[in-house]
């Protein structure tokens, strides 16, 4: 497996549907968009669990250009949030919640102004406020 992918290091192993999946990271300038995800490695190799033969070698570089951009580039990592470590993902999460915070504070300000205007109308009409 490592002989078929020279210059790669093993970064993950998982049993998946009758095979063992091995995640490999290219040591020489290889960018790994999956680094912070469950299945790290910019190359994948599937090995049969019974015979030990290589079933599939999903090393980057093959396939159409769009597929290479999706799997080997930053598009996948950006889309699924695996491009950045956990602290930066927490910052993204916080920014994602900011519209909710703005909505709550906007409603609170509107409700407060509405109540104070209603109270002013009642006192000017001579009706005591409750």
C-alpha atoms as a PDB file:
ATOM      1  CA  UNK A   1       0.000   0.000   0.000  1.00  0.00           C
ATOM      2  CA  UNK A   2       2.720   2.485   0.927  1.00  0.00           C
ATOM      3  CA  UNK A   3       4.842   1.077  -1.901  1.00  0.00           C
ATOM      4  CA  UNK A   4       2.094   2.022  -4.351  1.00  0.00           C
ATOM      5  CA  UNK A   5       2.099   5.570  -2.921  1.00  0.00           C
ATOM      6  CA  UNK A   6       5.746   6.555  -2.348  1.00  0.00           C
ATOM      7  CA  UNK A   7       6.329   9.528  -0.083  1.00  0.00           C
ATOM      8  CA  UNK A   8       3.009   9.120   1.779  1.00  0.00           C
ATOM      9  CA  UNK A   9       2.411   8.632   5.497  1.00  0.00           C
ATOM     10  CA  UNK A  10      -0.392   6.667   7.102  1.00  0.00           C
ATOM     11  CA  UNK A  11      -2.847   8.954   8.947  1.00  0.00           C
ATOM     12  CA  UNK A  12      -5.977   6.843   9.414  1.00  0.00           C
ATOM     13  CA  UNK A  13      -7.440   3.331   9.290  1.00  0.00           C
ATOM     14  CA  UNK A  14     -11.116   2.339   9.314  1.00  0.00           C
ATOM     15  CA  UNK A  15     -13.060  -0.854   8.515  1.00  0.00           C
ATOM     16  CA  UNK A  16     -15.683  -0.040   5.873  1.00  0.00           C
ATOM     17  CA  UNK A  17     -17.987  -2.585   4.144  1.00  0.00           C
ATOM     18  CA  UNK A  18     -15.680  -5.601   3.878  1.00  0.00           C
ATOM     19  CA  UNK A  19     -12.542  -3.552   3.330  1.00  0.00           C
ATOM     20  CA  UNK A  20     -10.061  -1.628   5.377  1.00  0.00           C
ATOM     21  CA  UNK A  21      -9.748   1.996   4.410  1.00  0.00           C
ATOM     22  CA  UNK A  22      -6.302   3.569   4.807  1.00  0.00           C
ATOM     23  CA  UNK A  23      -5.917   7.322   4.712  1.00  0.00           C
ATOM     24  CA  UNK A  24      -2.566   8.524   3.411  1.00  0.00           C
ATOM     25  CA  UNK A  25      -1.117  12.019   3.392  1.00  0.00           C
ATOM     26  CA  UNK A  26       1.438  13.017   0.792  1.00  0.00           C
ATOM     27  CA  UNK A  27       4.544  14.215   2.642  1.00  0.00           C
ATOM     28  CA  UNK A  28       6.003  16.261  -0.192  1.00  0.00           C
ATOM     29  CA  UNK A  29       3.920  19.408  -0.471  1.00  0.00           C
ATOM     30  CA  UNK A  30       0.632  17.539  -0.248  1.00  0.00           C
ATOM     31  CA  UNK A  31      -2.264  19.664   0.896  1.00  0.00           C
ATOM     32  CA  UNK A  32      -4.781  17.685   2.939  1.00  0.00           C
ATOM     33  CA  UNK A  33      -8.232  19.322   2.960  1.00  0.00           C
ATOM     34  CA  UNK A  34      -9.453  16.473   5.201  1.00  0.00           C
ATOM     35  CA  UNK A  35      -6.827  17.043   7.901  1.00  0.00           C
ATOM     36  CA  UNK A  36      -9.285  18.010  10.637  1.00  0.00           C
ATOM     37  CA  UNK A  37     -12.058  15.619   9.580  1.00  0.00           C
ATOM     38  CA  UNK A  38     -12.807  12.069  10.702  1.00  0.00           C
ATOM     39  CA  UNK A  39     -11.114  10.551   7.647  1.00  0.00           C
ATOM     40  CA  UNK A  40      -7.871  12.462   7.236  1.00  0.00           C
ATOM     41  CA  UNK A  41      -5.546  12.019   4.281  1.00  0.00           C
ATOM     42  CA  UNK A  42      -5.488  13.350   0.747  1.00  0.00           C
ATOM     43  CA  UNK A  43      -5.120   9.801  -0.645  1.00  0.00           C
ATOM     44  CA  UNK A  44      -7.302   6.791   0.136  1.00  0.00           C
ATOM     45  CA  UNK A  45      -6.562   3.102  -0.339  1.00  0.00           C
ATOM     46  CA  UNK A  46      -9.112   0.341   0.204  1.00  0.00           C
ATOM     47  CA  UNK A  47      -7.760  -3.154   0.989  1.00  0.00           C
ATOM     48  CA  UNK A  48      -9.849  -6.343   1.014  1.00  0.00           C
ATOM     49  CA  UNK A  49     -10.257  -7.655   4.581  1.00  0.00           C
ATOM     50  CA  UNK A  50      -9.998 -11.311   3.548  1.00  0.00           C
ATOM     51  CA  UNK A  51      -7.312 -11.454   0.884  1.00  0.00           C
ATOM     52  CA  UNK A  52      -5.394  -8.294   1.658  1.00  0.00           C
ATOM     53  CA  UNK A  53      -5.338  -7.204  -1.977  1.00  0.00           C
ATOM     54  CA  UNK A  54      -5.735  -3.571  -2.924  1.00  0.00           C
ATOM     55  CA  UNK A  55      -9.331  -2.987  -4.020  1.00  0.00           C
ATOM     56  CA  UNK A  56      -9.185   0.698  -4.868  1.00  0.00           C
ATOM     57  CA  UNK A  57      -6.458   3.320  -4.919  1.00  0.00           C
ATOM     58  CA  UNK A  58      -8.027   6.766  -4.801  1.00  0.00           C
ATOM     59  CA  UNK A  59      -4.820   8.730  -5.077  1.00  0.00           C
ATOM     60  CA  UNK A  60      -5.318  12.298  -6.181  1.00  0.00           C
ATOM     61  CA  UNK A  61      -4.571  13.381  -9.709  1.00  0.00           C
ATOM     62  CA  UNK A  62      -6.905  11.148 -11.726  1.00  0.00           C
ATOM     63  CA  UNK A  63     -10.316  11.910 -13.090  1.00  0.00           C
ATOM     64  CA  UNK A  64     -11.899  15.012 -14.586  1.00  0.00           C
ATOM     65  CA  UNK A  65     -10.668  18.457 -13.638  1.00  0.00           C
ATOM     66  CA  UNK A  66     -13.844  19.295 -11.723  1.00  0.00           C
ATOM     67  CA  UNK A  67     -13.516  16.128  -9.652  1.00  0.00           C
ATOM     68  CA  UNK A  68      -9.889  16.902  -8.850  1.00  0.00           C
ATOM     69  CA  UNK A  69     -10.783  20.441  -7.794  1.00  0.00           C
ATOM     70  CA  UNK A  70     -13.578  19.109  -5.561  1.00  0.00           C
ATOM     71  CA  UNK A  71     -11.636  16.286  -3.889  1.00  0.00           C
ATOM     72  CA  UNK A  72      -8.051  17.550  -3.940  1.00  0.00           C
ATOM     73  CA  UNK A  73      -8.633  21.286  -3.647  1.00  0.00           C
ATOM     74  CA  UNK A  74     -10.079  23.464  -0.972  1.00  0.00           C
ATOM     75  CA  UNK A  75     -13.689  23.264  -2.165  1.00  0.00           C
ATOM     76  CA  UNK A  76     -14.498  20.089  -0.189  1.00  0.00           C
ATOM     77  CA  UNK A  77     -12.743  21.310   2.951  1.00  0.00           C
ATOM     78  CA  UNK A  78     -14.449  24.680   2.816  1.00  0.00           C
ATOM     79  CA  UNK A  79     -17.889  23.214   2.126  1.00  0.00           C
ATOM     80  CA  UNK A  80     -17.799  20.660   4.930  1.00  0.00           C
ATOM     81  CA  UNK A  81     -15.802  22.771   7.385  1.00  0.00           C
ATOM     82  CA  UNK A  82     -12.863  20.371   7.592  1.00  0.00           C
ATOM     83  CA  UNK A  83     -10.374  22.859   6.212  1.00  0.00           C
ATOM     84  CA  UNK A  84      -9.867  24.640   9.535  1.00  0.00           C
ATOM     85  CA  UNK A  85      -9.084  23.458  13.076  1.00  0.00           C
ATOM     86  CA  UNK A  86     -11.731  23.448  15.820  1.00  0.00           C
ATOM     87  CA  UNK A  87     -11.003  26.951  17.264  1.00  0.00           C
ATOM     88  CA  UNK A  88     -11.522  28.579  13.869  1.00  0.00           C
ATOM     89  CA  UNK A  89     -14.685  26.511  13.302  1.00  0.00           C
ATOM     90  CA  UNK A  90     -15.955  27.870  16.627  1.00  0.00           C
ATOM     91  CA  UNK A  91     -15.422  31.418  15.334  1.00  0.00           C
ATOM     92  CA  UNK A  92     -17.358  30.517  12.136  1.00  0.00           C
ATOM     93  CA  UNK A  93     -20.139  29.056  14.278  1.00  0.00           C
ATOM     94  CA  UNK A  94     -20.307  32.253  16.340  1.00  0.00           C
ATOM     95  CA  UNK A  95     -20.569  34.389  13.203  1.00  0.00           C
ATOM     96  CA  UNK A  96     -23.299  32.048  11.976  1.00  0.00           C
ATOM     97  CA  UNK A  97     -25.310  32.725  15.138  1.00  0.00           C
ATOM     98  CA  UNK A  98     -24.962  36.513  14.861  1.00  0.00           C
ATOM     99  CA  UNK A  99     -28.171  36.959  12.768  1.00  0.00           C
ATOM    100  CA  UNK A 100     -30.109  35.231  15.550  1.00  0.00           C
ATOM    101  CA  UNK A 101     -28.557  37.550  18.132  1.00  0.00           C
ATOM    102  CA  UNK A 102     -29.340  40.595  15.986  1.00  0.00           C
ATOM    103  CA  UNK A 103     -32.940  39.434  15.597  1.00  0.00           C
ATOM    104  CA  UNK A 104     -33.405  38.948  19.341  1.00  0.00           C
ATOM    105  CA  UNK A 105     -31.864  42.305  20.235  1.00  0.00           C
ATOM    106  CA  UNK A 106     -33.880  44.068  17.495  1.00  0.00           C
ATOM    107  CA  UNK A 107     -37.114  42.557  18.806  1.00  0.00           C
ATOM    108  CA  UNK A 108     -36.191  43.500  22.392  1.00  0.00           C
ATOM    109  CA  UNK A 109     -35.506  47.131  21.453  1.00  0.00           C
ATOM    110  CA  UNK A 110     -38.753  47.343  19.434  1.00  0.00           C
ATOM    111  CA  UNK A 111     -40.805  45.792  22.255  1.00  0.00           C
ATOM    112  CA  UNK A 112     -39.298  48.122  24.875  1.00  0.00           C
ATOM    113  CA  UNK A 113     -40.008  51.219  22.762  1.00  0.00           C
ATOM    114  CA  UNK A 114     -43.542  50.038  22.072  1.00  0.00           C
ATOM    115  CA  UNK A 115     -44.292  49.522  25.785  1.00  0.00           C
ATOM    116  CA  UNK A 116     -42.829  52.888  26.757  1.00  0.00           C
ATOM    117  CA  UNK A 117     -44.850  54.658  24.025  1.00  0.00           C
ATOM    118  CA  UNK A 118     -48.025  52.919  25.212  1.00  0.00           C
ATOM    119  CA  UNK A 119     -47.297  53.948  28.821  1.00  0.00           C
ATOM    120  CA  UNK A 120     -46.717  57.565  27.747  1.00  0.00           C
ATOM    121  CA  UNK A 121     -50.058  57.607  25.908  1.00  0.00           C
ATOM    122  CA  UNK A 122     -51.849  56.228  28.957  1.00  0.00           C
ATOM    123  CA  UNK A 123     -50.342  58.788  31.328  1.00  0.00           C
ATOM    124  CA  UNK A 124     -51.083  61.675  28.965  1.00  0.00           C
ATOM    125  CA  UNK A 125     -54.727  60.512  28.739  1.00  0.00           C
ATOM    126  CA  UNK A 126     -54.905  60.519  32.519  1.00  0.00           C
ATOM    127  CA  UNK A 127     -55.201  56.789  32.949  1.00  0.00           C
ATOM    128  CA  UNK A 128     -52.798  55.378  35.521  1.00  0.00           C
ATOM    129  CA  UNK A 129     -50.491  52.702  34.178  1.00  0.00           C
ATOM    130  CA  UNK A 130     -50.721  49.241  35.749  1.00  0.00           C
END
